[in-house]
PDB file of N, CA and C in Angstrom:
ATOM      1  N   UNK A   1     168.004  50.457-132.298  1.00  0.00           N
ATOM      2  CA  UNK A   1     166.539  50.929-132.079  1.00  0.00           C
ATOM      3  C   UNK A   1     166.487  51.817-130.909  1.00  0.00           C
ATOM      4  N   UNK A   2     167.072  52.816-131.099  1.00  0.00           N
ATOM      5  CA  UNK A   2     167.349  53.919-130.039  1.00  0.00           C
ATOM      6  C   UNK A   2     166.602  55.067-130.064  1.00  0.00           C
ATOM      7  N   UNK A   3     165.978  55.609-129.117  1.00  0.00           N
ATOM      8  CA  UNK A   3     165.156  56.766-128.903  1.00  0.00           C
ATOM      9  C   UNK A   3     165.793  57.995-128.871  1.00  0.00           C
ATOM     10  N   UNK A   4     165.450  59.113-129.145  1.00  0.00           N
ATOM     11  CA  UNK A   4     165.987  60.361-128.535  1.00  0.00           C
ATOM     12  C   UNK A   4     165.281  60.785-127.352  1.00  0.00           C
ATOM     13  N   UNK A   5     166.159  61.176-126.206  1.00  0.00           N
ATOM     14  CA  UNK A   5     165.480  61.719-125.077  1.00  0.00           C
ATOM     15  C   UNK A   5     165.584  63.264-125.174  1.00  0.00           C
ATOM     16  N   UNK A   6     164.303  63.821-125.054  1.00  0.00           N
ATOM     17  CA  UNK A   6     164.308  65.309-125.005  1.00  0.00           C
ATOM     18  C   UNK A   6     163.468  65.800-123.939  1.00  0.00           C
ATOM     19  N   UNK A   7     163.213  66.933-124.054  1.00  0.00           N
ATOM     20  CA  UNK A   7     162.279  67.890-122.964  1.00  0.00           C
ATOM     21  C   UNK A   7     161.337  68.689-123.839  1.00  0.00           C
ATOM     22  N   UNK A   8     160.122  68.543-123.374  1.00  0.00           N
ATOM     23  CA  UNK A   8     159.195  69.146-124.439  1.00  0.00           C
ATOM     24  C   UNK A   8     159.281  70.731-124.676  1.00  0.00           C
ATOM     25  N   UNK A   9     160.087  71.345-123.634  1.00  0.00           N
ATOM     26  CA  UNK A   9     160.235  72.752-123.791  1.00  0.00           C
ATOM     27  C   UNK A   9     161.412  73.247-122.783  1.00  0.00           C
ATOM     28  N   UNK A  10     161.887  74.391-123.151  1.00  0.00           N
ATOM     29  CA  UNK A  10     163.212  74.997-122.404  1.00  0.00           C
ATOM     30  C   UNK A  10     162.737  75.062-120.750  1.00  0.00           C
ATOM     31  N   UNK A  11     161.548  75.571-120.699  1.00  0.00           N
ATOM     32  CA  UNK A  11     161.114  75.929-119.247  1.00  0.00           C
ATOM     33  C   UNK A  11     161.097  74.540-118.603  1.00  0.00           C
ATOM     34  N   UNK A  12     160.565  73.332-119.083  1.00  0.00           N
ATOM     35  CA  UNK A  12     160.648  72.053-118.403  1.00  0.00           C
ATOM     36  C   UNK A  12     162.063  71.650-117.980  1.00  0.00           C
ATOM     37  N   UNK A  13     163.059  71.821-119.311  1.00  0.00           N
ATOM     38  CA  UNK A  13     164.337  71.434-119.068  1.00  0.00           C
ATOM     39  C   UNK A  13     165.150  72.146-117.922  1.00  0.00           C
ATOM     40  N   UNK A  14     164.956  73.490-117.887  1.00  0.00           N
ATOM     41  CA  UNK A  14     165.493  74.462-116.927  1.00  0.00           C
ATOM     42  C   UNK A  14     164.816  73.841-115.319  1.00  0.00           C
ATOM     43  N   UNK A  15     163.770  73.426-115.361  1.00  0.00           N
ATOM     44  CA  UNK A  15     163.205  72.984-113.874  1.00  0.00           C
ATOM     45  C   UNK A  15     163.572  71.674-113.675  1.00  0.00           C
ATOM     46  N   UNK A  16     163.697  70.933-114.570  1.00  0.00           N
ATOM     47  CA  UNK A  16     164.444  69.660-114.410  1.00  0.00           C
ATOM     48  C   UNK A  16     165.818  69.869-114.077  1.00  0.00           C
ATOM     49  N   UNK A  17     166.656  70.558-114.593  1.00  0.00           N
ATOM     50  CA  UNK A  17     167.958  70.645-114.223  1.00  0.00           C
ATOM     51  C   UNK A  17     168.195  71.410-112.614  1.00  0.00           C
ATOM     52  N   UNK A  18     167.166  72.163-112.564  1.00  0.00           N
ATOM     53  CA  UNK A  18     167.128  72.958-111.146  1.00  0.00           C
ATOM     54  C   UNK A  18     166.903  71.768-110.111  1.00  0.00           C
ATOM     55  N   UNK A  19     165.984  70.952-110.328  1.00  0.00           N
ATOM     56  CA  UNK A  19     165.638  69.782-109.343  1.00  0.00           C
ATOM     57  C   UNK A  19     167.084  68.921-109.213  1.00  0.00           C
ATOM     58  N   UNK A  20     167.471  68.782-110.184  1.00  0.00           N
ATOM     59  CA  UNK A  20     168.516  67.622-110.308  1.00  0.00           C
ATOM     60  C   UNK A  20     169.642  68.134-109.517  1.00  0.00           C
ATOM     61  N   UNK A  21     169.858  69.410-109.830  1.00  0.00           N
ATOM     62  CA  UNK A  21     171.062  70.034-108.808  1.00  0.00           C
ATOM     63  C   UNK A  21     170.922  69.839-107.257  1.00  0.00           C
ATOM     64  N   UNK A  22     169.599  69.659-106.773  1.00  0.00           N
ATOM     65  CA  UNK A  22     169.441  69.756-105.338  1.00  0.00           C
ATOM     66  C   UNK A  22     169.404  68.221-104.745  1.00  0.00           C
ATOM     67  N   UNK A  23     169.436  67.243-105.700  1.00  0.00           N
ATOM     68  CA  UNK A  23     169.596  65.997-105.437  1.00  0.00           C
ATOM     69  C   UNK A  23     171.024  65.570-104.825  1.00  0.00           C
ATOM     70  N   UNK A  24     171.187  64.901-103.937  1.00  0.00           N
ATOM     71  CA  UNK A  24     172.420  64.437-103.369  1.00  0.00           C
ATOM     72  C   UNK A  24     173.124  63.782-104.422  1.00  0.00           C
ATOM     73  N   UNK A  25     174.561  63.877-104.653  1.00  0.00           N
ATOM     74  CA  UNK A  25     175.438  63.577-105.590  1.00  0.00           C
ATOM     75  C   UNK A  25     175.357  62.332-106.151  1.00  0.00           C
ATOM     76  N   UNK A  26     175.200  61.179-105.004  1.00  0.00           N
ATOM     77  CA  UNK A  26     175.049  59.793-105.330  1.00  0.00           C
ATOM     78  C   UNK A  26     173.838  59.502-106.152  1.00  0.00           C
ATOM     79  N   UNK A  27     172.753  60.016-106.063  1.00  0.00           N
ATOM     80  CA  UNK A  27     171.476  59.899-106.684  1.00  0.00           C
ATOM     81  C   UNK A  27     171.778  60.643-107.831  1.00  0.00           C
ATOM     82  N   UNK A  28     172.419  61.687-108.182  1.00  0.00           N
ATOM     83  CA  UNK A  28     172.405  62.410-109.409  1.00  0.00           C
ATOM     84  C   UNK A  28     173.007  61.595-110.509  1.00  0.00           C
ATOM     85  N   UNK A  29     174.146  60.898-110.134  1.00  0.00           N
ATOM     86  CA  UNK A  29     174.723  60.003-111.255  1.00  0.00           C
ATOM     87  C   UNK A  29     173.852  58.654-111.729  1.00  0.00           C
ATOM     88  N   UNK A  30     172.986  58.277-110.702  1.00  0.00           N
ATOM     89  CA  UNK A  30     172.181  57.247-110.883  1.00  0.00           C
ATOM     90  C   UNK A  30     171.014  57.617-111.963  1.00  0.00           C
ATOM     91  N   UNK A  31     170.610  58.946-111.424  1.00  0.00           N
ATOM     92  CA  UNK A  31     169.547  59.436-112.472  1.00  0.00           C
ATOM     93  C   UNK A  31     170.062  59.789-113.895  1.00  0.00           C
ATOM     94  N   UNK A  32     171.029  60.519-113.855  1.00  0.00           N
ATOM     95  CA  UNK A  32     171.794  60.701-115.342  1.00  0.00           C
ATOM     96  C   UNK A  32     171.928  59.507-115.962  1.00  0.00           C
ATOM     97  N   UNK A  33     172.131  58.335-115.447  1.00  0.00           N
ATOM     98  CA  UNK A  33     172.461  57.031-116.065  1.00  0.00           C
ATOM     99  C   UNK A  33     171.098  56.400-116.354  1.00  0.00           C
ATOM    100  N   UNK A  34     170.069  56.518-115.665  1.00  0.00           N
ATOM    101  CA  UNK A  34     168.767  56.220-115.830  1.00  0.00           C
ATOM    102  C   UNK A  34     168.186  56.826-117.064  1.00  0.00           C
ATOM    103  N   UNK A  35     168.524  58.065-117.349  1.00  0.00           N
ATOM    104  CA  UNK A  35     168.042  58.989-118.382  1.00  0.00           C
ATOM    105  C   UNK A  35     168.659  58.367-119.548  1.00  0.00           C
ATOM    106  N   UNK A  36     169.853  58.143-119.544  1.00  0.00           N
ATOM    107  CA  UNK A  36     170.697  57.638-120.645  1.00  0.00           C
ATOM    108  C   UNK A  36     170.104  56.377-121.280  1.00  0.00           C
ATOM    109  N   UNK A  37     169.818  55.481-120.077  1.00  0.00           N
ATOM    110  CA  UNK A  37     169.362  54.145-120.509  1.00  0.00           C
ATOM    111  C   UNK A  37     167.950  54.188-121.198  1.00  0.00           C
ATOM    112  N   UNK A  38     167.274  55.197-120.923  1.00  0.00           N
ATOM    113  CA  UNK A  38     165.827  55.289-121.595  1.00  0.00           C
ATOM    114  C   UNK A  38     166.189  55.548-123.196  1.00  0.00           C
ATOM    115  N   UNK A  39     167.137  55.940-123.776  1.00  0.00           N
ATOM    116  CA  UNK A  39     167.404  55.873-125.009  1.00  0.00           C
ATOM    117  C   UNK A  39     167.154  54.599-125.806  1.00  0.00           C
ATOM    118  N   UNK A  40     167.826  53.545-125.008  1.00  0.00           N
ATOM    119  CA  UNK A  40     167.901  52.289-125.593  1.00  0.00           C
ATOM    120  C   UNK A  40     166.897  51.331-125.193  1.00  0.00           C
ATOM    121  N   UNK A  41     166.138  51.734-124.096  1.00  0.00           N
ATOM    122  CA  UNK A  41     165.026  50.952-123.376  1.00  0.00           C
ATOM    123  C   UNK A  41     164.182  51.821-122.573  1.00  0.00           C
ATOM    124  N   UNK A  42     163.265  52.323-123.426  1.00  0.00           N
ATOM    125  CA  UNK A  42     162.381  53.428-123.068  1.00  0.00           C
ATOM    126  C   UNK A  42     161.268  52.621-122.057  1.00  0.00           C
ATOM    127  N   UNK A  43     161.022  51.434-122.060  1.00  0.00           N
ATOM    128  CA  UNK A  43     160.103  50.776-121.297  1.00  0.00           C
ATOM    129  C   UNK A  43     161.060  49.562-120.469  1.00  0.00           C
ATOM    130  N   UNK A  44     161.578  50.114-119.363  1.00  0.00           N
ATOM    131  CA  UNK A  44     162.459  49.157-118.683  1.00  0.00           C
ATOM    132  C   UNK A  44     161.815  47.963-118.039  1.00  0.00           C
ATOM    133  N   UNK A  45     162.291  47.102-118.142  1.00  0.00           N
ATOM    134  CA  UNK A  45     161.651  45.864-117.375  1.00  0.00           C
ATOM    135  C   UNK A  45     161.808  45.575-116.165  1.00  0.00           C
ATOM    136  N   UNK A  46     161.101  45.042-115.234  1.00  0.00           N
ATOM    137  CA  UNK A  46     160.848  45.178-113.864  1.00  0.00           C
ATOM    138  C   UNK A  46     160.313  46.114-113.062  1.00  0.00           C
ATOM    139  N   UNK A  47     160.572  46.237-111.848  1.00  0.00           N
ATOM    140  CA  UNK A  47     159.727  47.145-110.877  1.00  0.00           C
ATOM    141  C   UNK A  47     160.287  48.732-111.070  1.00  0.00           C
ATOM    142  N   UNK A  48     161.335  48.931-111.570  1.00  0.00           N
ATOM    143  CA  UNK A  48     161.750  50.389-111.686  1.00  0.00           C
ATOM    144  C   UNK A  48     160.988  51.085-112.755  1.00  0.00           C
ATOM    145  N   UNK A  49     160.635  50.480-113.660  1.00  0.00           N
ATOM    146  CA  UNK A  49     159.903  51.236-114.767  1.00  0.00           C
ATOM    147  C   UNK A  49     158.360  50.905-114.648  1.00  0.00           C
ATOM    148  N   UNK A  50     157.586  51.819-115.054  1.00  0.00           N
ATOM    149  CA  UNK A  50     156.060  51.376-114.888  1.00  0.00           C
ATOM    150  C   UNK A  50     155.260  52.252-115.687  1.00  0.00           C
ATOM    151  N   UNK A  51     154.266  51.642-116.280  1.00  0.00           N
ATOM    152  CA  UNK A  51     153.139  52.531-117.345  1.00  0.00           C
ATOM    153  C   UNK A  51     152.342  53.055-116.180  1.00  0.00           C
ATOM    154  N   UNK A  52     151.770  54.227-115.859  1.00  0.00           N
ATOM    155  CA  UNK A  52     151.057  54.846-115.035  1.00  0.00           C
ATOM    156  C   UNK A  52     149.646  54.483-115.367  1.00  0.00           C
ATOM    157  N   UNK A  53     148.667  54.298-114.541  1.00  0.00           N
ATOM    158  CA  UNK A  53     147.432  53.925-114.659  1.00  0.00           C
ATOM    159  C   UNK A  53     146.540  55.289-115.064  1.00  0.00           C
ATOM    160  N   UNK A  54     146.879  56.304-114.293  1.00  0.00           N
ATOM    161  CA  UNK A  54     146.184  57.496-114.410  1.00  0.00           C
ATOM    162  C   UNK A  54     146.816  58.442-115.252  1.00  0.00           C
ATOM    163  N   UNK A  55     146.144  59.479-115.494  1.00  0.00           N
ATOM    164  CA  UNK A  55     146.925  60.609-116.424  1.00  0.00           C
ATOM    165  C   UNK A  55     147.372  61.608-115.374  1.00  0.00           C
ATOM    166  N   UNK A  56     148.741  61.744-115.288  1.00  0.00           N
ATOM    167  CA  UNK A  56     149.158  63.072-114.491  1.00  0.00           C
ATOM    168  C   UNK A  56     149.742  64.093-115.440  1.00  0.00           C
ATOM    169  N   UNK A  57     149.030  65.008-115.439  1.00  0.00           N
ATOM    170  CA  UNK A  57     149.212  66.241-116.063  1.00  0.00           C
ATOM    171  C   UNK A  57     150.526  67.193-115.445  1.00  0.00           C
ATOM    172  N   UNK A  58     151.496  67.346-116.387  1.00  0.00           N
ATOM    173  CA  UNK A  58     152.639  68.095-115.989  1.00  0.00           C
ATOM    174  C   UNK A  58     152.685  69.264-117.105  1.00  0.00           C
ATOM    175  N   UNK A  59     152.407  70.278-116.660  1.00  0.00           N
ATOM    176  CA  UNK A  59     152.500  71.469-117.554  1.00  0.00           C
ATOM    177  C   UNK A  59     151.067  71.305-118.601  1.00  0.00           C
ATOM    178  N   UNK A  60     151.524  71.291-119.943  1.00  0.00           N
ATOM    179  CA  UNK A  60     150.372  70.979-120.738  1.00  0.00           C
ATOM    180  C   UNK A  60     150.435  69.466-121.294  1.00  0.00           C
ATOM    181  N   UNK A  61     151.524  68.815-120.616  1.00  0.00           N
ATOM    182  CA  UNK A  61     151.875  67.457-121.271  1.00  0.00           C
ATOM    183  C   UNK A  61     150.993  66.145-120.171  1.00  0.00           C
ATOM    184  N   UNK A  62     151.170  65.023-120.534  1.00  0.00           N
ATOM    185  CA  UNK A  62     150.715  64.109-119.904  1.00  0.00           C
ATOM    186  C   UNK A  62     151.781  62.886-119.699  1.00  0.00           C
ATOM    187  N   UNK A  63     152.024  62.568-118.268  1.00  0.00           N
ATOM    188  CA  UNK A  63     152.999  61.588-118.151  1.00  0.00           C
ATOM    189  C   UNK A  63     152.310  60.116-117.965  1.00  0.00           C
ATOM    190  N   UNK A  64     152.791  59.430-119.060  1.00  0.00           N
ATOM    191  CA  UNK A  64     152.406  58.043-118.940  1.00  0.00           C
ATOM    192  C   UNK A  64     153.216  57.075-118.510  1.00  0.00           C
ATOM    193  N   UNK A  65     154.478  57.321-118.216  1.00  0.00           N
ATOM    194  CA  UNK A  65     155.404  56.367-117.455  1.00  0.00           C
ATOM    195  C   UNK A  65     156.278  56.975-116.388  1.00  0.00           C
ATOM    196  N   UNK A  66     156.688  55.936-115.692  1.00  0.00           N
ATOM    197  CA  UNK A  66     157.589  56.621-114.568  1.00  0.00           C
ATOM    198  C   UNK A  66     158.685  55.440-114.420  1.00  0.00           C
ATOM    199  N   UNK A  67     159.752  56.162-114.058  1.00  0.00           N
ATOM    200  CA  UNK A  67     161.387  55.456-113.515  1.00  0.00           C
ATOM    201  C   UNK A  67     161.523  55.582-112.343  1.00  0.00           C
ATOM    202  N   UNK A  68     161.642  54.640-111.507  1.00  0.00           N
ATOM    203  CA  UNK A  68     162.051  54.807-109.982  1.00  0.00           C
ATOM    204  C   UNK A  68     163.586  54.807-110.171  1.00  0.00           C
ATOM    205  N   UNK A  69     164.283  55.671-109.495  1.00  0.00           N
ATOM    206  CA  UNK A  69     165.675  55.832-108.980  1.00  0.00           C
ATOM    207  C   UNK A  69     165.806  56.088-107.591  1.00  0.00           C
ATOM    208  N   UNK A  70     165.819  55.204-106.584  1.00  0.00           N
ATOM    209  CA  UNK A  70     165.860  55.422-105.482  1.00  0.00           C
ATOM    210  C   UNK A  70     164.504  56.160-105.029  1.00  0.00           C
ATOM    211  N   UNK A  71     164.723  57.100-104.065  1.00  0.00           N
ATOM    212  CA  UNK A  71     163.373  57.884-103.631  1.00  0.00           C
ATOM    213  C   UNK A  71     162.889  58.727-104.568  1.00  0.00           C
ATOM    214  N   UNK A  72     163.620  58.930-105.935  1.00  0.00           N
ATOM    215  CA  UNK A  72     163.346  59.820-106.832  1.00  0.00           C
ATOM    216  C   UNK A  72     162.513  59.075-108.193  1.00  0.00           C
ATOM    217  N   UNK A  73     161.506  60.026-108.478  1.00  0.00           N
ATOM    218  CA  UNK A  73     160.775  59.339-109.838  1.00  0.00           C
ATOM    219  C   UNK A  73     160.978  60.313-111.018  1.00  0.00           C
ATOM    220  N   UNK A  74     161.051  59.800-112.141  1.00  0.00           N
ATOM    221  CA  UNK A  74     161.310  60.382-113.503  1.00  0.00           C
ATOM    222  C   UNK A  74     160.173  60.280-114.112  1.00  0.00           C
ATOM    223  N   UNK A  75     159.014  61.105-114.498  1.00  0.00           N
ATOM    224  CA  UNK A  75     157.926  61.132-115.079  1.00  0.00           C
ATOM    225  C   UNK A  75     158.296  61.429-116.705  1.00  0.00           C
ATOM    226  N   UNK A  76     157.616  60.461-117.527  1.00  0.00           N
ATOM    227  CA  UNK A  76     158.156  60.720-118.825  1.00  0.00           C
ATOM    228  C   UNK A  76     156.963  60.079-119.916  1.00  0.00           C
ATOM    229  N   UNK A  77     157.079  60.487-121.157  1.00  0.00           N
ATOM    230  CA  UNK A  77     155.980  60.004-121.916  1.00  0.00           C
ATOM    231  C   UNK A  77     156.934  59.417-123.142  1.00  0.00           C
ATOM    232  N   UNK A  78     156.481  58.537-124.175  1.00  0.00           N
ATOM    233  CA  UNK A  78     157.032  58.024-125.088  1.00  0.00           C
ATOM    234  C   UNK A  78     156.303  58.272-126.500  1.00  0.00           C
ATOM    235  N   UNK A  79     157.072  58.876-127.427  1.00  0.00           N
ATOM    236  CA  UNK A  79     156.367  59.212-128.583  1.00  0.00           C
ATOM    237  C   UNK A  79     157.127  57.980-129.381  1.00  0.00           C
ATOM    238  N   UNK A  80     156.382  56.805-129.796  1.00  0.00           N
ATOM    239  CA  UNK A  80     156.928  55.696-130.698  1.00  0.00           C
ATOM    240  C   UNK A  80     157.030  56.002-132.102  1.00  0.00           C
ATOM    241  N   UNK A  81     156.321  57.000-132.783  1.00  0.00           N
ATOM    242  CA  UNK A  81     156.193  57.261-133.879  1.00  0.00           C
ATOM    243  C   UNK A  81     157.565  58.370-134.357  1.00  0.00           C
ATOM    244  N   UNK A  82     157.874  59.213-133.358  1.00  0.00           N
ATOM    245  CA  UNK A  82     159.114  59.872-133.782  1.00  0.00           C
ATOM    246  C   UNK A  82     160.178  59.392-133.102  1.00  0.00           C
ATOM    247  N   UNK A  83     160.084  58.170-132.038  1.00  0.00           N
ATOM    248  CA  UNK A  83     161.179  57.622-131.575  1.00  0.00           C
ATOM    249  C   UNK A  83     161.998  58.524-130.538  1.00  0.00           C
ATOM    250  N   UNK A  84     160.933  59.350-129.735  1.00  0.00           N
ATOM    251  CA  UNK A  84     161.393  60.124-128.750  1.00  0.00           C
ATOM    252  C   UNK A  84     160.803  59.679-127.374  1.00  0.00           C
ATOM    253  N   UNK A  85     161.798  59.818-126.387  1.00  0.00           N
ATOM    254  CA  UNK A  85     161.298  59.812-124.896  1.00  0.00           C
ATOM    255  C   UNK A  85     161.053  61.243-124.626  1.00  0.00           C
ATOM    256  N   UNK A  86     159.888  61.658-123.936  1.00  0.00           N
ATOM    257  CA  UNK A  86     159.872  63.135-123.467  1.00  0.00           C
ATOM    258  C   UNK A  86     159.818  63.195-122.003  1.00  0.00           C
ATOM    259  N   UNK A  87     161.045  63.814-121.504  1.00  0.00           N
ATOM    260  CA  UNK A  87     161.144  63.928-120.072  1.00  0.00           C
ATOM    261  C   UNK A  87     160.320  65.018-119.531  1.00  0.00           C
ATOM    262  N   UNK A  88     159.514  64.845-118.627  1.00  0.00           N
ATOM    263  CA  UNK A  88     158.705  65.729-118.011  1.00  0.00           C
ATOM    264  C   UNK A  88     159.041  66.310-116.669  1.00  0.00           C
ATOM    265  N   UNK A  89     159.247  65.506-115.759  1.00  0.00           N
ATOM    266  CA  UNK A  89     159.582  65.942-114.323  1.00  0.00           C
ATOM    267  C   UNK A  89     160.435  64.804-113.614  1.00  0.00           C
ATOM    268  N   UNK A  90     161.154  65.405-112.747  1.00  0.00           N
ATOM    269  CA  UNK A  90     162.003  64.614-111.781  1.00  0.00           C
ATOM    270  C   UNK A  90     161.409  65.107-110.254  1.00  0.00           C
ATOM    271  N   UNK A  91     161.036  64.279-109.693  1.00  0.00           N
ATOM    272  CA  UNK A  91     160.302  64.513-108.436  1.00  0.00           C
ATOM    273  C   UNK A  91     160.767  63.432-107.220  1.00  0.00           C
ATOM    274  N   UNK A  92     160.930  63.944-105.974  1.00  0.00           N
ATOM    275  CA  UNK A  92     161.491  62.946-104.857  1.00  0.00           C
ATOM    276  C   UNK A  92     160.025  62.477-104.399  1.00  0.00           C
ATOM    277  N   UNK A  93     159.800  61.094-104.197  1.00  0.00           N
ATOM    278  CA  UNK A  93     158.712  60.351-104.010  1.00  0.00           C
ATOM    279  C   UNK A  93     158.277  60.765-102.622  1.00  0.00           C
ATOM    280  N   UNK A  94     156.858  61.158-102.636  1.00  0.00           N
ATOM    281  CA  UNK A  94     156.232  61.688-101.220  1.00  0.00           C
ATOM    282  C   UNK A  94     154.902  61.204-101.713  1.00  0.00           C
ATOM    283  N   UNK A  95     154.038  61.558-100.585  1.00  0.00           N
ATOM    284  CA  UNK A  95     152.678  61.222-100.517  1.00  0.00           C
ATOM    285  C   UNK A  95     151.945  61.864-101.607  1.00  0.00           C
ATOM    286  N   UNK A  96     152.525  63.132-102.057  1.00  0.00           N
ATOM    287  CA  UNK A  96     151.504  63.899-103.094  1.00  0.00           C
ATOM    288  C   UNK A  96     152.409  63.862-104.553  1.00  0.00           C
ATOM    289  N   UNK A  97     153.023  62.753-104.654  1.00  0.00           N
ATOM    290  CA  UNK A  97     153.780  62.681-105.972  1.00  0.00           C
ATOM    291  C   UNK A  97     152.955  62.634-107.226  1.00  0.00           C
ATOM    292  N   UNK A  98     151.981  61.767-106.997  1.00  0.00           N
ATOM    293  CA  UNK A  98     151.155  61.275-108.117  1.00  0.00           C
ATOM    294  C   UNK A  98     149.836  61.969-107.970  1.00  0.00           C
ATOM    295  N   UNK A  99     149.673  63.002-107.326  1.00  0.00           N
ATOM    296  CA  UNK A  99     148.258  63.703-107.291  1.00  0.00           C
ATOM    297  C   UNK A  99     148.388  64.920-108.280  1.00  0.00           C
TER     298      UNK A  99
END
């Protein structure tokens, strides 16, 4: 029961890669591992994963889930019909992250 982890567009993928390159190397590995884990567990148990209560617009898409990796948040959506996890944004947790 695996999902395909994808980006909605090339622009989003390039921005994600750019942000990931600026992340300290110890967190980079954890983020990459977390992304790989979404393929088998798109809704992780525990406090790391969470369904968002509001709608967070990322470009023309809506992030409905977040995954916590240290001080970083991975915002994504799940398409159960097509069995895809759509990565939308990687952001460092700050006061303005979810606004």
